[in-house]
């Protein structure tokens, strides 16, 4: 009988200790602690639960790796952690950390492709981004990439960004082409893209794009050569666009289909990736009689002219302003 009582007492004690441990562990799961400053953690693909737990502990996100493992196993979450880059900051509990990892609440980073960049320049932007991975192997043509800010998580491939950007340009171009002016001389989405790329390189002032587009559309309708410097720069630099010097008169004689001083009509391909506003301007140029334009030498904008006499006067004004 005494042995039975001792066993009973022992059992009660063990139950009490077990209950206490359960309560204590449960409290540890939801205990709020402060993480400051912000801690960034990269969870590798294929990492096991124990490795992740010790990674979080070593980084200072959690206090006890064992408790984290226990919470994940008790709640059936051990195989649901998503790889990626996470940021932890402020008031957190172990439960909060666990569910952020299983929800895949990763840091979203951005890469911006500016308007008017040539394909070689766009590739360099992506290759210089340290958070993207992989070589660029996607088959691309000039002008196929829509300038935009793209969101991605660390480790995403450069090809995946370019696929998004290519699809975005295809969608935007088809939409704009379908809605182009009825009297537009542009017969295909590609022609619209080519003209938009020239407009993009000729002016960075939004209010001028429609006027610049009108000059080129008027010239196309009259069979005049476009005589636009950016296409010549594209020919001279083999698509790099960074000439690093002014155009020389001899450059205007280069034998290239991109030399619009020598060959009539549009060049064979775009010379850069135009933005949405340039696409819209090419599809909906302003209704003008302008055939010429030249920089004003003051505001960064241009003066437009209907005939060569007006244009020559504007050129004189430009040169005078440049000498000031």
Protein backbone atom coordinates (compact mmCIF):
# COMPACT_ATOMS: atom_id res chain seq x y z
CA UNK A 1 0.00 0.00 0.00
CA UNK A 2 2.84 2.41 0.85
CA UNK A 3 4.46 1.68 -2.52
CA UNK A 4 1.15 2.44 -4.26
CA UNK A 5 0.87 5.77 -2.46
CA UNK A 6 4.44 6.67 -3.40
CA UNK A 7 3.77 5.82 -7.03
CA UNK A 8 0.58 7.84 -6.93
CA UNK A 9 2.42 10.83 -5.47
CA UNK A 10 5.16 10.45 -8.08
CA UNK A 11 2.57 10.31 -10.83
CA UNK A 12 0.85 13.45 -9.55
CA UNK A 13 4.22 15.23 -9.36
CA UNK A 14 5.12 14.15 -12.90
CA UNK A 15 1.73 15.30 -14.17
CA UNK A 16 2.17 18.63 -12.42
CA UNK A 17 5.66 19.03 -13.87
CA UNK A 18 4.36 18.03 -17.31
CA UNK A 19 1.50 20.50 -17.05
CA UNK A 20 3.91 23.20 -15.95
CA UNK A 21 6.24 22.42 -18.87
CA UNK A 22 3.34 22.50 -21.33
CA UNK A 23 2.22 25.87 -20.03
CA UNK A 24 5.78 27.20 -20.01
CA UNK A 25 6.52 25.97 -23.52
CA UNK A 26 3.24 27.40 -24.78
CA UNK A 27 4.16 30.74 -23.23
CA UNK A 28 7.57 30.64 -24.92
CA UNK A 29 5.90 30.13 -28.29
CA UNK A 30 3.93 33.38 -27.95
CA UNK A 31 6.32 35.40 -25.78
CA UNK A 32 6.93 38.74 -27.47
CA UNK A 33 10.49 40.03 -27.75
CA UNK A 34 12.05 42.94 -29.59
CA UNK A 35 14.27 42.58 -32.66
CA UNK A 36 16.25 45.73 -33.37
CA UNK A 37 17.93 46.73 -35.58
CA UNK A 38 16.40 44.92 -38.55
CA UNK A 39 17.82 41.47 -39.19
CA UNK A 40 17.86 40.01 -42.69
CA UNK A 41 18.07 36.24 -43.12
CA UNK A 42 18.40 34.21 -46.31
CA UNK A 43 16.79 30.78 -46.04
CA UNK A 44 18.53 28.59 -48.64
CA UNK A 45 16.60 26.25 -50.89
CA UNK A 46 16.55 22.70 -49.57
CA UNK A 47 17.64 23.67 -46.05
CA UNK A 48 16.36 21.34 -43.31
CA UNK A 49 14.42 22.45 -40.24
CA UNK A 50 17.35 22.10 -37.83
CA UNK A 51 19.65 24.10 -40.09
CA UNK A 52 17.07 26.87 -40.43
CA UNK A 53 16.46 26.94 -36.67
CA UNK A 54 20.16 27.34 -35.90
CA UNK A 55 20.48 29.96 -38.66
CA UNK A 56 17.72 32.01 -37.01
CA UNK A 57 19.32 31.59 -33.59
CA UNK A 58 22.78 32.57 -34.83
CA UNK A 59 21.34 35.66 -36.52
CA UNK A 60 19.58 36.66 -33.30
CA UNK A 61 16.03 36.30 -34.60
CA UNK A 62 15.12 33.64 -32.01
CA UNK A 63 16.64 32.65 -28.67
CA UNK A 64 16.34 28.86 -28.79
CA UNK A 65 16.58 26.75 -31.92
CA UNK A 66 15.15 23.75 -30.05
CA UNK A 67 11.95 25.61 -29.17
CA UNK A 68 11.54 26.68 -32.79
CA UNK A 69 11.95 23.09 -33.99
CA UNK A 70 9.46 21.91 -31.36
CA UNK A 71 6.85 24.50 -32.40
CA UNK A 72 7.21 23.60 -36.06
CA UNK A 73 6.87 19.87 -35.42
CA UNK A 74 3.94 20.18 -33.00
CA UNK A 75 2.06 22.29 -35.52
CA UNK A 76 2.92 20.24 -38.60
CA UNK A 77 4.86 23.07 -40.21
CA UNK A 78 8.32 21.57 -40.49
CA UNK A 79 8.11 20.96 -44.25
CA UNK A 80 6.35 24.20 -45.15
CA UNK A 81 9.14 26.77 -44.79
CA UNK A 82 9.69 28.66 -48.04
CA UNK A 83 13.18 29.59 -49.17
CA UNK A 84 13.98 33.25 -49.67
CA UNK A 85 15.16 36.43 -48.01
CA UNK A 86 13.33 37.58 -44.87
CA UNK A 87 13.46 40.71 -42.74
CA UNK A 88 12.70 40.63 -39.01
CA UNK A 89 12.19 43.81 -37.00
CA UNK A 90 10.19 45.06 -34.06
CA UNK A 91 7.95 43.12 -31.68
CA UNK A 92 7.89 39.41 -32.59
CA UNK A 93 7.14 36.03 -31.10
CA UNK A 94 8.51 32.66 -32.09
CA UNK A 95 5.06 31.92 -33.52
CA UNK A 96 5.26 35.09 -35.64
CA UNK A 97 8.65 34.06 -37.01
CA UNK A 98 7.43 30.58 -37.85
CA UNK A 99 4.36 31.74 -39.74
CA UNK A 100 6.27 34.42 -41.64
CA UNK A 101 8.54 31.67 -42.94
CA UNK A 102 5.70 29.35 -43.88
CA UNK A 103 3.70 32.18 -45.50
CA UNK A 104 6.70 33.07 -47.65
CA UNK A 105 6.66 36.71 -46.51
CA UNK A 106 9.94 37.42 -48.26
CA UNK A 107 11.60 40.75 -48.92
CA UNK A 108 10.47 42.12 -52.29
CA UNK A 109 13.23 43.97 -54.08
CA UNK A 110 12.95 46.10 -57.21
CA UNK A 111 14.92 46.72 -60.37
CA UNK A 112 14.12 49.68 -62.60
CA UNK A 113 14.61 49.64 -66.37
CA UNK A 114 14.52 53.31 -67.45
CA UNK A 115 12.90 54.48 -70.67
CA UNK A 116 15.16 54.83 -73.68
CA UNK A 117 17.76 52.21 -72.78
CA UNK A 118 19.19 49.98 -75.50
CA UNK A 119 19.18 46.23 -74.98
CA UNK A 120 22.89 46.17 -74.13
CA UNK A 121 22.30 48.79 -71.42
CA UNK A 122 19.31 46.88 -70.01
CA UNK A 123 21.32 43.69 -69.76
CA UNK A 124 24.05 45.53 -67.87
CA UNK A 125 21.50 46.89 -65.37
CA UNK A 126 20.33 43.36 -64.61
CA UNK A 127 23.82 41.87 -64.55
CA UNK A 128 24.92 44.55 -62.06
CA UNK A 129 22.05 43.75 -59.68
CA UNK A 130 23.52 41.58 -56.88
CA UNK A 131 20.16 40.11 -55.83
CA UNK A 132 19.39 38.52 -59.21
CA UNK A 133 20.99 35.28 -60.34
CA UNK A 134 21.98 33.46 -63.51
CA UNK A 135 23.22 34.43 -66.92
CA UNK A 136 21.03 36.10 -69.50
CA UNK A 137 20.26 33.44 -72.08
CA UNK A 138 16.83 34.60 -73.25
CA UNK A 139 16.63 35.36 -76.96
CA UNK A 140 15.81 39.08 -77.17
CA UNK A 141 15.59 41.75 -79.82
CA UNK A 142 16.07 45.48 -79.45
CA UNK A 143 13.00 47.27 -78.11
CA UNK A 144 11.22 44.19 -76.77
CA UNK A 145 11.59 45.16 -73.10
CA UNK A 146 9.03 47.47 -71.47
CA UNK A 147 10.74 50.05 -69.24
CA UNK A 148 9.25 49.65 -65.78
CA UNK A 149 10.07 48.92 -62.16
CA UNK A 150 9.88 45.17 -61.60
CA UNK A 151 9.52 43.45 -58.22
CA UNK A 152 11.34 40.24 -57.38
CA UNK A 153 12.59 38.19 -54.46
CA UNK A 154 16.28 37.54 -53.88
CA UNK A 155 17.61 34.73 -56.03
CA UNK A 156 15.15 35.21 -58.88
CA UNK A 157 16.79 34.77 -62.28
CA UNK A 158 17.60 37.59 -64.65
CA UNK A 159 15.85 35.68 -67.39
CA UNK A 160 12.60 35.71 -65.38
CA UNK A 161 12.69 39.52 -65.12
CA UNK A 162 13.27 39.80 -68.85
CA UNK A 163 10.42 37.39 -69.59
CA UNK A 164 8.06 39.58 -67.55
CA UNK A 165 9.33 42.71 -69.27
CA UNK A 166 9.05 41.16 -72.73
CA UNK A 167 5.49 40.01 -72.10
CA UNK A 168 4.59 43.44 -70.71
CA UNK A 169 5.90 45.17 -73.86
CA UNK A 170 4.04 42.74 -76.11
CA UNK A 171 0.78 43.46 -74.29
CA UNK A 172 1.32 47.24 -74.24
CA UNK A 173 2.39 47.41 -77.88
CA UNK A 174 -0.58 45.42 -79.17
CA UNK A 175 -2.99 47.53 -77.14
CA UNK A 176 -1.53 50.83 -78.36
CA UNK A 177 -1.30 49.68 -81.98
CA UNK A 178 -4.93 48.60 -82.03
CA UNK A 179 -5.95 52.04 -80.76
CA UNK A 180 -3.71 54.07 -83.10
CA UNK A 181 -5.07 56.97 -85.14
CA UNK A 182 -7.00 55.87 -88.21
CA UNK A 183 -4.74 57.91 -90.53
CA UNK A 184 -1.50 56.58 -89.06
CA UNK A 185 1.10 55.54 -91.67
CA UNK A 186 2.34 52.82 -89.30
CA UNK A 187 1.31 49.45 -90.71
CA UNK A 188 2.45 47.08 -87.97
CA UNK A 189 3.19 46.99 -84.23
CA UNK A 190 6.87 46.77 -85.10
CA UNK A 191 6.75 50.01 -87.08
CA UNK A 192 5.04 51.70 -84.14
CA UNK A 193 7.73 50.36 -81.81
CA UNK A 194 10.49 51.66 -84.08
CA UNK A 195 8.98 55.14 -84.28
CA UNK A 196 8.34 55.21 -80.52
CA UNK A 197 11.98 54.31 -79.87
CA UNK A 198 13.10 57.31 -81.95
CA UNK A 199 10.66 59.63 -80.18
CA UNK A 200 11.94 58.34 -76.83
CA UNK A 201 15.55 59.16 -77.71
CA UNK A 202 14.75 62.56 -79.22
CA UNK A 203 13.08 64.08 -76.16
CA UNK A 204 12.72 63.41 -72.48
CA UNK A 205 10.05 66.08 -72.07
CA UNK A 206 6.58 64.48 -71.91
CA UNK A 207 4.79 67.51 -73.38
CA UNK A 208 7.00 67.37 -76.50
CA UNK A 209 6.55 63.74 -77.44
CA UNK A 210 3.40 64.30 -79.46
CA UNK A 211 5.04 67.13 -81.45
CA UNK A 212 8.22 65.13 -82.08
CA UNK A 213 6.13 62.19 -83.26
CA UNK A 214 4.19 64.51 -85.57
CA UNK A 215 7.41 65.64 -87.28
CA UNK A 216 8.39 62.08 -88.13
CA UNK A 217 4.87 61.06 -89.18
CA UNK A 218 4.64 64.13 -91.43
CA UNK A 219 7.99 63.26 -92.99
CA UNK A 220 6.94 59.64 -93.53
CA UNK A 221 3.76 60.80 -95.24
CA UNK A 222 5.75 63.11 -97.54
CA UNK A 223 8.46 60.55 -98.28
CA UNK A 224 11.12 62.70 -96.62
CA UNK A 225 14.12 61.18 -94.86
CA UNK A 226 13.72 61.20 -91.09
CA UNK A 227 17.24 62.60 -90.51
CA UNK A 228 17.30 61.78 -86.79
CA UNK A 229 20.60 61.72 -84.89
CA UNK A 230 19.78 58.89 -82.42
CA UNK A 231 19.51 56.35 -85.24
CA UNK A 232 22.96 57.37 -86.48
CA UNK A 233 24.37 57.07 -82.96
CA UNK A 234 22.89 53.58 -82.78
CA UNK A 235 24.66 52.69 -86.03
CA UNK A 236 28.01 54.18 -84.96
CA UNK A 237 28.01 52.51 -81.53
CA UNK A 238 26.59 49.17 -82.71
CA UNK A 239 23.63 49.49 -80.38
CA UNK A 240 25.48 50.73 -77.30
CA UNK A 241 24.00 54.27 -77.63
CA UNK A 242 26.74 55.85 -75.49
CA UNK A 243 28.73 57.70 -78.13
CA UNK A 244 30.76 59.72 -75.64
CA UNK A 245 31.20 62.61 -78.09
CA UNK A 246 29.15 64.80 -80.41
CA UNK A 247 28.14 63.43 -83.80
CA UNK A 248 30.57 64.45 -86.53
CA UNK A 249 29.55 65.32 -90.07
CA UNK A 250 31.33 62.20 -91.31
CA UNK A 251 29.08 60.08 -89.07
CA UNK A 252 26.10 61.17 -91.16
CA UNK A 253 27.58 59.40 -94.18
CA UNK A 254 27.99 55.99 -92.53
CA UNK A 255 26.56 53.20 -94.68
CA UNK A 256 24.01 51.66 -92.35
CA UNK A 257 20.28 51.01 -92.65
CA UNK A 258 20.03 52.91 -89.34
CA UNK A 259 21.44 56.05 -90.97
CA UNK A 260 18.23 57.99 -91.58
CA UNK A 261 20.20 60.80 -93.18
CA UNK A 262 21.15 58.38 -95.96
CA UNK A 263 18.20 56.01 -96.20
CA UNK A 264 14.51 56.97 -96.28
CA UNK A 265 11.80 55.53 -94.05
CA UNK A 266 12.10 53.91 -90.66
CA UNK A 267 15.23 51.99 -89.66
CA UNK A 268 14.88 48.19 -89.71
CA UNK A 269 14.62 47.76 -85.91
CA UNK A 270 13.99 49.89 -82.80
CA UNK A 271 16.99 51.69 -81.34
CA UNK A 272 15.93 51.39 -77.69
CA UNK A 273 13.07 50.33 -75.44
CA UNK A 274 10.49 53.14 -75.41
CA UNK A 275 8.17 53.77 -72.49
CA UNK A 276 4.39 53.90 -72.52
CA UNK A 277 4.23 57.66 -73.22
CA UNK A 278 6.46 57.36 -76.28
CA UNK A 279 4.36 54.44 -77.57
CA UNK A 280 1.22 56.51 -77.13
CA UNK A 281 2.80 59.52 -78.88
CA UNK A 282 3.79 57.37 -81.87
CA UNK A 283 0.23 56.06 -82.12
CA UNK A 284 -1.39 59.47 -81.51
CA UNK A 285 0.92 62.25 -82.74
CA UNK A 286 -0.28 65.80 -82.47
CA UNK A 287 -1.87 67.26 -85.59
CA UNK A 288 0.78 69.70 -86.79
CA UNK A 289 2.50 70.89 -89.97
CA UNK A 290 5.94 70.65 -88.37
CA UNK A 291 8.74 69.09 -90.41
CA UNK A 292 11.76 70.16 -88.37
CA UNK A 293 12.88 70.65 -84.81
CA UNK A 294 16.08 71.65 -83.06
CA UNK A 295 17.12 72.04 -79.42
CA UNK A 296 16.48 75.50 -78.00
CA UNK A 297 19.75 75.49 -76.05
CA UNK A 298 18.06 76.89 -72.97
CA UNK A 299 15.34 74.71 -71.44
CA UNK A 300 16.35 71.31 -72.75
CA UNK A 301 13.33 71.46 -75.04
CA UNK A 302 13.05 72.07 -78.77
CA UNK A 303 11.83 74.65 -81.28
CA UNK A 304 9.62 73.31 -84.05
CA UNK A 305 9.32 74.61 -87.62
CA UNK A 306 7.04 74.09 -90.60
CA UNK A 307 9.63 74.85 -93.24
CA UNK A 308 13.38 75.06 -93.74
CA UNK A 309 13.47 78.86 -93.45
CA UNK A 310 11.94 78.74 -89.96
CA UNK A 311 14.17 75.85 -89.03
CA UNK A 312 17.33 77.69 -90.06
CA UNK A 313 16.30 80.66 -87.89
CA UNK A 314 15.83 78.26 -84.96
CA UNK A 315 19.27 76.77 -85.61
CA UNK A 316 20.79 80.27 -85.44
CA UNK A 317 19.02 80.86 -82.11
CA UNK A 318 20.28 77.53 -80.80
CA UNK A 319 23.88 78.33 -81.71
CA UNK A 320 23.59 81.81 -80.18
CA UNK A 321 22.26 80.36 -76.92
CA UNK A 322 25.00 77.76 -76.83
CA UNK A 323 27.65 80.50 -77.05
CA UNK A 324 26.26 82.35 -74.03
